[in-house]
Amino acid sequence: MNKLKDFLYNKNDIIVAVIILLTAAAVIYFRIAAIMDYPSTLV
């Protein structure tokens, strides 16, 4: 159990960064149609 706790403690910053990047990628992926339509709404 201690090895797992140490691994998570040492890699916590990297894990959080990867989660943020995956969340941002998912939002962009699922909203790509709305993002691409945005310039036409400005005209």
PDB file of N, CA and C in Angstrom:
ATOM      1  N   MET A   1       0.831  -1.201   0.000  1.00  0.00           N
ATOM      2  CA  MET A   1       0.000   0.000   0.000  1.00  0.00           C
ATOM      3  C   MET A   1       0.872   1.260   0.000  1.00  0.00           C
ATOM      4  N   ASN A   2       1.993   1.197   0.722  1.00  0.00           N
ATOM      5  CA  ASN A   2       2.877   2.357   0.787  1.00  0.00           C
ATOM      6  C   ASN A   2       3.475   2.694  -0.570  1.00  0.00           C
ATOM      7  N   LYS A   3       3.794   1.670  -1.363  1.00  0.00           N
ATOM      8  CA  LYS A   3       4.375   1.912  -2.691  1.00  0.00           C
ATOM      9  C   LYS A   3       3.385   2.649  -3.580  1.00  0.00           C
ATOM     10  N   LEU A   4       2.116   2.247  -3.518  1.00  0.00           N
ATOM     11  CA  LEU A   4       1.080   2.906  -4.309  1.00  0.00           C
ATOM     12  C   LEU A   4       0.908   4.352  -3.864  1.00  0.00           C
ATOM     13  N   LYS A   5       0.893   4.576  -2.565  1.00  0.00           N
ATOM     14  CA  LYS A   5       0.753   5.927  -2.028  1.00  0.00           C
ATOM     15  C   LYS A   5       1.933   6.797  -2.445  1.00  0.00           C
ATOM     16  N   ASP A   6       3.136   6.261  -2.390  1.00  0.00           N
ATOM     17  CA  ASP A   6       4.328   7.004  -2.801  1.00  0.00           C
ATOM     18  C   ASP A   6       4.292   7.325  -4.298  1.00  0.00           C
ATOM     19  N   PHE A   7       3.859   6.349  -5.106  1.00  0.00           N
ATOM     20  CA  PHE A   7       3.763   6.569  -6.552  1.00  0.00           C
ATOM     21  C   PHE A   7       2.770   7.690  -6.851  1.00  0.00           C
ATOM     22  N   LEU A   8       1.602   7.645  -6.243  1.00  0.00           N
ATOM     23  CA  LEU A   8       0.598   8.687  -6.479  1.00  0.00           C
ATOM     24  C   LEU A   8       1.083  10.052  -5.988  1.00  0.00           C
ATOM     25  N   TYR A   9       1.772  10.074  -4.877  1.00  0.00           N
ATOM     26  CA  TYR A   9       2.285  11.331  -4.349  1.00  0.00           C
ATOM     27  C   TYR A   9       3.339  11.924  -5.281  1.00  0.00           C
ATOM     28  N   ASN A  10       4.211  11.087  -5.819  1.00  0.00           N
ATOM     29  CA  ASN A  10       5.282  11.564  -6.691  1.00  0.00           C
ATOM     30  C   ASN A  10       4.769  11.992  -8.060  1.00  0.00           C
ATOM     31  N   LYS A  11       3.736  11.345  -8.549  1.00  0.00           N
ATOM     32  CA  LYS A  11       3.239  11.601  -9.897  1.00  0.00           C
ATOM     33  C   LYS A  11       1.965  12.443  -9.913  1.00  0.00           C
ATOM     34  N   ASN A  12       1.569  12.999  -8.784  1.00  0.00           N
ATOM     35  CA  ASN A  12       0.298  13.711  -8.670  1.00  0.00           C
ATOM     36  C   ASN A  12       0.194  14.886  -9.640  1.00  0.00           C
ATOM     37  N   ASP A  13       1.226  15.690  -9.763  1.00  0.00           N
ATOM     38  CA  ASP A  13       1.183  16.852 -10.656  1.00  0.00           C
ATOM     39  C   ASP A  13       1.005  16.424 -12.109  1.00  0.00           C
ATOM     40  N   ILE A  14       1.701  15.372 -12.505  1.00  0.00           N
ATOM     41  CA  ILE A  14       1.590  14.895 -13.879  1.00  0.00           C
ATOM     42  C   ILE A  14       0.197  14.339 -14.134  1.00  0.00           C
ATOM     43  N   ILE A  15      -0.345  13.603 -13.169  1.00  0.00           N
ATOM     44  CA  ILE A  15      -1.684  13.030 -13.319  1.00  0.00           C
ATOM     45  C   ILE A  15      -2.726  14.136 -13.446  1.00  0.00           C
ATOM     46  N   VAL A  16      -2.633  15.168 -12.644  1.00  0.00           N
ATOM     47  CA  VAL A  16      -3.583  16.281 -12.707  1.00  0.00           C
ATOM     48  C   VAL A  16      -3.473  16.997 -14.052  1.00  0.00           C
ATOM     49  N   ALA A  17      -2.254  17.213 -14.537  1.00  0.00           N
ATOM     50  CA  ALA A  17      -2.063  17.871 -15.830  1.00  0.00           C
ATOM     51  C   ALA A  17      -2.660  17.039 -16.957  1.00  0.00           C
ATOM     52  N   VAL A  18      -2.479  15.730 -16.915  1.00  0.00           N
ATOM     53  CA  VAL A  18      -3.036  14.857 -17.949  1.00  0.00           C
ATOM     54  C   VAL A  18      -4.560  14.876 -17.898  1.00  0.00           C
ATOM     55  N   ILE A  19      -5.137  14.887 -16.717  1.00  0.00           N
ATOM     56  CA  ILE A  19      -6.600  14.945 -16.584  1.00  0.00           C
ATOM     57  C   ILE A  19      -7.130  16.254 -17.163  1.00  0.00           C
ATOM     58  N   ILE A  20      -6.456  17.368 -16.896  1.00  0.00           N
ATOM     59  CA  ILE A  20      -6.886  18.660 -17.434  1.00  0.00           C
ATOM     60  C   ILE A  20      -6.787  18.662 -18.954  1.00  0.00           C
ATOM     61  N   LEU A  21      -5.692  18.141 -19.501  1.00  0.00           N
ATOM     62  CA  LEU A  21      -5.533  18.077 -20.950  1.00  0.00           C
ATOM     63  C   LEU A  21      -6.584  17.192 -21.602  1.00  0.00           C
ATOM     64  N   LEU A  22      -6.885  16.049 -21.004  1.00  0.00           N
ATOM     65  CA  LEU A  22      -7.911  15.158 -21.550  1.00  0.00           C
ATOM     66  C   LEU A  22      -9.291  15.800 -21.495  1.00  0.00           C
ATOM     67  N   THR A  23      -9.578  16.526 -20.425  1.00  0.00           N
ATOM     68  CA  THR A  23     -10.864  17.216 -20.324  1.00  0.00           C
ATOM     69  C   THR A  23     -10.980  18.293 -21.393  1.00  0.00           C
ATOM     70  N   ALA A  24      -9.930  19.074 -21.581  1.00  0.00           N
ATOM     71  CA  ALA A  24      -9.947  20.119 -22.608  1.00  0.00           C
ATOM     72  C   ALA A  24     -10.081  19.504 -23.998  1.00  0.00           C
ATOM     73  N   ALA A  25      -9.385  18.421 -24.257  1.00  0.00           N
ATOM     74  CA  ALA A  25      -9.481  17.755 -25.562  1.00  0.00           C
ATOM     75  C   ALA A  25     -10.885  17.217 -25.792  1.00  0.00           C
ATOM     76  N   ALA A  26     -11.510  16.669 -24.768  1.00  0.00           N
ATOM     77  CA  ALA A  26     -12.870  16.135 -24.904  1.00  0.00           C
ATOM     78  C   ALA A  26     -13.862  17.254 -25.185  1.00  0.00           C
ATOM     79  N   VAL A  27     -13.721  18.380 -24.499  1.00  0.00           N
ATOM     80  CA  VAL A  27     -14.625  19.508 -24.732  1.00  0.00           C
ATOM     81  C   VAL A  27     -14.465  20.011 -26.162  1.00  0.00           C
ATOM     82  N   ILE A  28     -13.246  20.172 -26.616  1.00  0.00           N
ATOM     83  CA  ILE A  28     -13.007  20.637 -27.988  1.00  0.00           C
ATOM     84  C   ILE A  28     -13.547  19.627 -28.995  1.00  0.00           C
ATOM     85  N   TYR A  29     -13.319  18.334 -28.748  1.00  0.00           N
ATOM     86  CA  TYR A  29     -13.763  17.298 -29.675  1.00  0.00           C
ATOM     87  C   TYR A  29     -15.288  17.284 -29.813  1.00  0.00           C
ATOM     88  N   PHE A  30     -15.986  17.367 -28.697  1.00  0.00           N
ATOM     89  CA  PHE A  30     -17.444  17.283 -28.743  1.00  0.00           C
ATOM     90  C   PHE A  30     -18.099  18.600 -29.155  1.00  0.00           C
ATOM     91  N   ARG A  31     -17.380  19.719 -29.072  1.00  0.00           N
ATOM     92  CA  ARG A  31     -17.946  21.020 -29.428  1.00  0.00           C
ATOM     93  C   ARG A  31     -17.360  21.573 -30.721  1.00  0.00           C
ATOM     94  N   ILE A  32     -16.702  20.752 -31.521  1.00  0.00           N
ATOM     95  CA  ILE A  32     -16.021  21.229 -32.721  1.00  0.00           C
ATOM     96  C   ILE A  32     -17.004  21.851 -33.703  1.00  0.00           C
ATOM     97  N   ALA A  33     -18.213  21.331 -33.799  1.00  0.00           N
ATOM     98  CA  ALA A  33     -19.208  21.898 -34.718  1.00  0.00           C
ATOM     99  C   ALA A  33     -19.569  23.324 -34.296  1.00  0.00           C
ATOM    100  N   ALA A  34     -19.781  23.544 -33.021  1.00  0.00           N
ATOM    101  CA  ALA A  34     -20.110  24.883 -32.535  1.00  0.00           C
ATOM    102  C   ALA A  34     -18.926  25.829 -32.706  1.00  0.00           C
ATOM    103  N   ILE A  35     -17.731  25.319 -32.511  1.00  0.00           N
ATOM    104  CA  ILE A  35     -16.534  26.147 -32.677  1.00  0.00           C
ATOM    105  C   ILE A  35     -16.373  26.555 -34.138  1.00  0.00           C
ATOM    106  N   MET A  36     -16.632  25.635 -35.055  1.00  0.00           N
ATOM    107  CA  MET A  36     -16.483  25.935 -36.481  1.00  0.00           C
ATOM    108  C   MET A  36     -17.600  26.853 -36.986  1.00  0.00           C
ATOM    109  N   ASP A  37     -18.773  26.818 -36.363  1.00  0.00           N
ATOM    110  CA  ASP A  37     -19.884  27.678 -36.769  1.00  0.00           C
ATOM    111  C   ASP A  37     -19.752  29.096 -36.240  1.00  0.00           C
ATOM    112  N   TYR A  38     -18.868  29.322 -35.310  1.00  0.00           N
ATOM    113  CA  TYR A  38     -18.763  30.628 -34.654  1.00  0.00           C
ATOM    114  C   TYR A  38     -18.474  31.776 -35.622  1.00  0.00           C
ATOM    115  N   PRO A  39     -17.554  31.656 -36.606  1.00  0.00           N
ATOM    116  CA  PRO A  39     -17.323  32.788 -37.515  1.00  0.00           C
ATOM    117  C   PRO A  39     -18.565  33.162 -38.317  1.00  0.00           C
ATOM    118  N   SER A  40     -19.412  32.215 -38.678  1.00  0.00           N
ATOM    119  CA  SER A  40     -20.618  32.545 -39.441  1.00  0.00           C
ATOM    120  C   SER A  40     -21.635  33.290 -38.597  1.00  0.00           C
ATOM    121  N   THR A  41     -21.603  33.098 -37.279  1.00  0.00           N
ATOM    122  CA  THR A  41     -22.535  33.833 -36.412  1.00  0.00           C
ATOM    123  C   THR A  41     -22.111  35.290 -36.258  1.00  0.00           C
ATOM    124  N   LEU A  42     -20.832  35.578 -36.465  1.00  0.00           N
ATOM    125  CA  LEU A  42     -20.362  36.941 -36.347  1.00  0.00           C
ATOM    126  C   LEU A  42     -20.732  37.793 -37.557  1.00  0.00           C
ATOM    127  N   VAL A  43     -20.910  37.145 -38.702  1.00  0.00           N
ATOM    128  CA  VAL A  43     -21.158  37.867 -39.953  1.00  0.00           C
ATOM    129  C   VAL A  43     -22.570  38.395 -40.013  1.00  0.00           C
TER     130      VAL A  43
END
